[in-house]
Amino acid sequence: MWKFPILLAICLVTAEDNTRLDNDVYLAPNNSKTGRIVGGSTANISQFPFAAVMFDIMENGAFRQDCAGTILNNRSVLSAATLLGWQIPLRLSCSVGSSNANSGGAVHNVLQHITHPDYYLDMWNIRSDIGIARLATAIVFGGNVRAGPIAGANFNVADNANVWAMGWGLLASGGSLSEPLQHVQLRITNHAACQRAHNAQNVNARTICAGWHENGRGGCTGDSGGPLVHNGVVIGVFSFIGPVCGDIRWPNVYARVSSYVHWIQNNA
């Protein structure tokens, strides 16, 4: 088993039900099959209209690109507790509706953030890395801005199932943050294999892992909090990686949305 200090991915469909209210959380049917994206690495926001990019607001008022999240409803964004937990809420914002991180999107400041009560982080351990940012202004839904359908409590995904990860993070370890939205196809990693790769305490029933059969694919720094998607349904929130991005030895680890869905619904 490889054991090392946690390297967080830290930050620097079917047709919608038109009767759903904008402040409802969109819960996907069990094993829902919505449209999937194929091929390429640069994505258009129309493919993932629930994706949000998160920013720090600096003391001089400038915005610094940080991590990613998933639109839950017109007032809330799902992301990682490692992003939200140490930030002052009013120093955070998000942008929705644009493929580019720093242009074209509608910007909403964060009014309040909530981290899961079981969230814990130290150099070696991390648990329940999931949180919700509540926004000061309402998101206006449209073609490129929609709430993400999230996995219900009984939503199951088999080993080796195809999934998609996305974000605006580093394009390689030590590289620069991406301006256009990126997406990459991965596969669900067997739970026991993921435990052997990482500190087993950090890979538990409330996490889900994804990787690829060769080097060069996966999330990286700046993708933290971003969605993991299976058949159009958000099943994970990106938490941490191994020492090197896209390394076959260390699958990406995500908070398993189905394990937290009731908490999400109660706090969004």
Foldseek 3Di string as FASTA:
>chain_A
DDFFFFFWLWWCADDDDVVDAQPAFAADDAVDFADDDDDDWFDWLLRVQQKKWKWFQDPVRDTHTTAIFGAGGFFKTKFWCVHVVVDDQQRMKIFGQGQFGPDDTDIWGFDDKAADPPFDDDRGATDRGMIMTTTPDTHDDDSSHDGAHAYALNHDDDFFAKKKWKIQQAQWVVHGTHGGITMDIWTWHDQVLQVVLYVVNHRDPQKTWTAHPAFDDDRHRRHGGTFIGHSRHGQWGFTGWDPTGRHRSITTMTGGCNVCVVVVRVPD
